[in-house]
């Protein structure tokens, strides 16, 4: 059995789609999954990136793309009333259900579907209160322990090379994005390609790009 760590942020529609599709994508394989909330904004800041929704043309494409992916794969999805929004309350509520940095699939499902199936405002105080009531919290979602846990999860993800969500980590290898699920499945099936030069040497070449501030 292979153990996967799924780094996720509820703000990401691709993380939602990948979460919903994961059981089907890995059907018939032996694996376990740890679902680990991280703050996507901090990952992007660390790597000097903008989120897709921060680039107007890319924002338009992303929203159309995820809605198309949902209908193409039979995954219910409705855009929230506003997006992007502040995901911190959802991340902290999820982590409050656990004594460590990982959450159950049921908790992840509850939060993801609250954001990506209702079509309503994710940050609405009444909705957040209802979500909190639906989750069995072990810790104070607004307490220092949960806040520190989210930061630790995010810092650890950065140290492991995670640059976006969803990111699936297994055997020290990272597979990124909804469209990376097919590649993840191939690896878990033991395909020989992953032991060959294409994986090992793909990034072992110089880059001619220069930093924009030089």
Protein backbone atom coordinates (compact mmCIF):
# COMPACT_ATOMS: atom_id res chain seq x y z
CA UNK A 1 0.00 0.00 0.00
CA UNK A 2 1.24 3.48 -0.90
CA UNK A 3 0.61 6.44 1.40
CA UNK A 4 -0.31 9.75 -0.23
CA UNK A 5 -0.39 13.22 1.25
CA UNK A 6 -2.89 15.51 -0.43
CA UNK A 7 -2.01 19.18 0.12
CA UNK A 8 -5.18 21.24 -0.38
CA UNK A 9 -6.79 24.63 0.05
CA UNK A 10 -10.56 24.95 -0.19
CA UNK A 11 -10.23 28.13 -2.26
CA UNK A 12 -9.02 26.12 -5.26
CA UNK A 13 -11.63 24.72 -7.65
CA UNK A 14 -9.02 22.34 -9.04
CA UNK A 15 -8.41 20.99 -5.53
CA UNK A 16 -12.15 20.42 -5.19
CA UNK A 17 -12.40 18.63 -8.53
CA UNK A 18 -9.35 16.47 -7.78
CA UNK A 19 -10.70 15.61 -4.33
CA UNK A 20 -14.02 14.47 -5.77
CA UNK A 21 -12.39 12.51 -8.60
CA UNK A 22 -9.62 10.87 -6.58
CA UNK A 23 -11.47 7.64 -5.64
CA UNK A 24 -12.43 7.06 -9.27
CA UNK A 25 -8.99 8.00 -10.58
CA UNK A 26 -7.28 5.50 -8.27
CA UNK A 27 -9.93 2.78 -8.34
CA UNK A 28 -8.53 -0.71 -7.87
CA UNK A 29 -5.23 0.48 -6.35
CA UNK A 30 -4.03 0.05 -2.78
CA UNK A 31 -3.40 3.41 -1.12
CA UNK A 32 -4.15 5.59 1.88
CA UNK A 33 -4.46 9.37 1.89
CA UNK A 34 -3.69 12.09 4.43
CA UNK A 35 -5.62 15.27 3.62
CA UNK A 36 -3.54 18.26 4.71
CA UNK A 37 -4.84 21.85 4.59
CA UNK A 38 -2.34 24.53 3.53
CA UNK A 39 -2.65 28.21 2.67
CA UNK A 40 -2.35 28.55 -1.10
CA UNK A 41 -1.71 32.29 -0.88
CA UNK A 42 1.41 31.70 1.21
CA UNK A 43 2.68 29.08 -1.26
CA UNK A 44 2.22 31.50 -4.15
CA UNK A 45 3.90 34.33 -2.26
CA UNK A 46 6.88 32.16 -1.38
CA UNK A 47 7.40 31.21 -5.04
CA UNK A 48 6.73 34.72 -6.36
CA UNK A 49 3.57 33.70 -8.21
CA UNK A 50 0.16 35.24 -8.78
CA UNK A 51 -2.92 33.09 -8.37
CA UNK A 52 -4.98 32.39 -11.51
CA UNK A 53 -7.76 34.67 -10.27
CA UNK A 54 -5.29 37.57 -9.94
CA UNK A 55 -4.72 37.66 -13.72
CA UNK A 56 -7.94 38.88 -15.39
CA UNK A 57 -7.70 36.85 -18.60
CA UNK A 58 -6.58 33.73 -16.72
CA UNK A 59 -9.39 34.23 -14.18
CA UNK A 60 -11.98 34.12 -16.96
CA UNK A 61 -10.44 30.99 -18.46
CA UNK A 62 -10.05 29.24 -15.09
CA UNK A 63 -13.68 29.67 -14.10
CA UNK A 64 -14.95 28.46 -17.47
CA UNK A 65 -12.47 25.58 -17.44
CA UNK A 66 -13.43 24.26 -14.00
CA UNK A 67 -17.14 24.42 -14.80
CA UNK A 68 -16.48 22.48 -18.00
CA UNK A 69 -14.35 19.92 -16.15
CA UNK A 70 -17.13 19.45 -13.64
CA UNK A 71 -19.74 18.64 -16.27
CA UNK A 72 -17.28 16.53 -18.27
CA UNK A 73 -16.49 14.35 -15.26
CA UNK A 74 -19.93 14.34 -13.66
CA UNK A 75 -18.82 16.41 -10.65
CA UNK A 76 -21.41 18.93 -9.39
CA UNK A 77 -19.86 22.39 -9.18
CA UNK A 78 -21.23 25.93 -8.83
CA UNK A 79 -19.06 29.00 -8.57
CA UNK A 80 -19.27 30.71 -5.18
CA UNK A 81 -20.94 34.12 -5.09
CA UNK A 82 -17.49 35.72 -4.78
CA UNK A 83 -14.09 34.33 -5.71
CA UNK A 84 -11.36 34.56 -4.69
CA UNK A 85 -12.40 34.88 -1.06
CA UNK A 86 -10.60 34.56 2.27
CA UNK A 87 -10.17 30.79 2.89
CA UNK A 88 -8.67 31.10 6.38
CA UNK A 89 -11.92 30.43 8.28
CA UNK A 90 -12.54 27.24 6.30
CA UNK A 91 -8.97 26.02 6.70
CA UNK A 92 -9.02 26.68 10.45
CA UNK A 93 -12.43 25.07 10.93
CA UNK A 94 -11.20 21.96 9.15
CA UNK A 95 -8.00 21.77 11.20
CA UNK A 96 -9.97 22.25 14.40
CA UNK A 97 -11.53 18.82 13.83
CA UNK A 98 -8.16 17.13 14.18
CA UNK A 99 -5.52 16.82 16.85
CA UNK A 100 -2.76 17.09 14.24
CA UNK A 101 -2.26 18.64 10.81
CA UNK A 102 -4.35 16.18 8.79
CA UNK A 103 -8.13 16.02 8.43
CA UNK A 104 -10.48 13.20 7.50
CA UNK A 105 -11.91 12.79 4.04
CA UNK A 106 -15.36 13.41 5.49
CA UNK A 107 -14.31 16.78 6.88
CA UNK A 108 -12.64 17.77 3.62
CA UNK A 109 -15.76 16.74 1.71
CA UNK A 110 -18.03 18.74 4.00
CA UNK A 111 -16.02 21.93 3.59
CA UNK A 112 -15.32 21.54 -0.13
CA UNK A 113 -18.98 20.94 -0.93
CA UNK A 114 -20.08 23.85 1.24
CA UNK A 115 -17.90 26.13 -0.89
CA UNK A 116 -18.24 24.57 -4.35
CA UNK A 117 -21.82 23.28 -4.53
CA UNK A 118 -23.97 25.98 -2.95
CA UNK A 119 -23.23 28.90 -5.25
CA UNK A 120 -23.45 31.15 -2.19
CA UNK A 121 -21.03 33.43 -0.35
CA UNK A 122 -18.37 31.27 1.37
CA UNK A 123 -17.47 33.91 3.95
CA UNK A 124 -21.01 34.65 5.10
CA UNK A 125 -21.04 34.56 8.89
CA UNK A 126 -24.27 32.56 9.10
CA UNK A 127 -22.96 29.95 6.65
CA UNK A 128 -19.67 29.68 8.54
CA UNK A 129 -21.52 29.19 11.80
CA UNK A 130 -23.62 26.42 10.24
CA UNK A 131 -20.48 24.80 8.85
CA UNK A 132 -18.82 24.94 12.26
CA UNK A 133 -21.87 23.29 13.81
CA UNK A 134 -21.72 20.50 11.22
CA UNK A 135 -18.09 19.70 12.04
CA UNK A 136 -16.98 17.90 15.20
CA UNK A 137 -14.26 20.21 16.44
CA UNK A 138 -11.58 19.07 18.86
CA UNK A 139 -9.84 22.44 19.07
CA UNK A 140 -10.74 26.12 18.99
CA UNK A 141 -10.72 27.14 15.33
CA UNK A 142 -9.68 30.67 16.28
CA UNK A 143 -7.03 29.56 18.76
CA UNK A 144 -3.28 29.88 18.45
CA UNK A 145 -2.77 26.11 18.18
CA UNK A 146 -4.86 25.82 15.02
CA UNK A 147 -3.31 28.95 13.50
CA UNK A 148 0.16 27.59 14.21
CA UNK A 149 -0.80 24.23 12.75
CA UNK A 150 -1.87 25.81 9.46
CA UNK A 151 1.39 27.74 9.26
CA UNK A 152 3.38 24.59 10.06
CA UNK A 153 1.51 22.65 7.37
CA UNK A 154 2.22 25.39 4.84
CA UNK A 155 5.87 25.76 5.78
CA UNK A 156 6.34 22.00 5.60
CA UNK A 157 4.68 21.88 2.18
CA UNK A 158 7.04 24.58 0.92
CA UNK A 159 10.01 22.63 2.27
CA UNK A 160 8.78 19.59 0.34
CA UNK A 161 8.62 21.56 -2.91
CA UNK A 162 4.87 22.10 -3.05
CA UNK A 163 4.08 25.17 -5.18
CA UNK A 164 0.32 24.88 -5.65
CA UNK A 165 -2.77 22.82 -4.90
CA UNK A 166 -3.87 20.17 -5.20
CA UNK A 167 -0.49 18.53 -4.74
CA UNK A 168 -0.19 14.79 -4.13
CA UNK A 169 3.00 13.60 -2.49
CA UNK A 170 4.06 9.95 -2.51
CA UNK A 171 7.52 8.42 -2.08
CA UNK A 172 9.01 11.92 -2.13
CA UNK A 173 7.52 12.66 -5.57
CA UNK A 174 4.98 15.39 -6.27
CA UNK A 175 2.03 15.23 -8.65
CA UNK A 176 0.23 18.52 -9.16
CA UNK A 177 -3.24 19.44 -10.28
CA UNK A 178 -6.46 17.78 -11.33
CA UNK A 179 -4.88 16.75 -14.62
CA UNK A 180 -1.98 15.15 -12.72
CA UNK A 181 -4.24 12.39 -11.39
CA UNK A 182 -3.68 10.18 -14.45
CA UNK A 183 0.07 10.47 -13.95
CA UNK A 184 -0.31 9.69 -10.25
CA UNK A 185 -2.32 6.59 -11.08
CA UNK A 186 0.35 5.44 -13.51
CA UNK A 187 3.02 5.83 -10.84
CA UNK A 188 1.02 3.92 -8.25
CA UNK A 189 0.51 1.13 -10.78
CA UNK A 190 4.30 0.77 -10.98
CA UNK A 191 4.85 1.87 -14.57
CA UNK A 192 8.51 1.59 -15.50
CA UNK A 193 8.65 5.08 -17.03
CA UNK A 194 9.00 6.61 -13.57
CA UNK A 195 12.29 4.78 -13.01
CA UNK A 196 13.72 5.93 -16.33
CA UNK A 197 15.63 9.00 -17.51
CA UNK A 198 12.59 11.04 -18.52
CA UNK A 199 11.50 11.47 -14.90
CA UNK A 200 14.96 11.71 -13.37
CA UNK A 201 16.59 14.06 -15.86
CA UNK A 202 13.66 16.14 -17.14
CA UNK A 203 14.63 19.20 -15.08
CA UNK A 204 18.41 18.65 -15.14
CA UNK A 205 19.29 21.25 -17.74
CA UNK A 206 20.27 24.92 -17.56
CA UNK A 207 17.71 27.68 -18.01
CA UNK A 208 18.36 30.75 -20.16
CA UNK A 209 15.71 32.80 -18.37
CA UNK A 210 16.89 35.69 -16.27
CA UNK A 211 15.25 37.31 -13.29
CA UNK A 212 13.04 40.24 -14.30
CA UNK A 213 14.71 42.52 -11.74
CA UNK A 214 18.15 42.28 -13.34
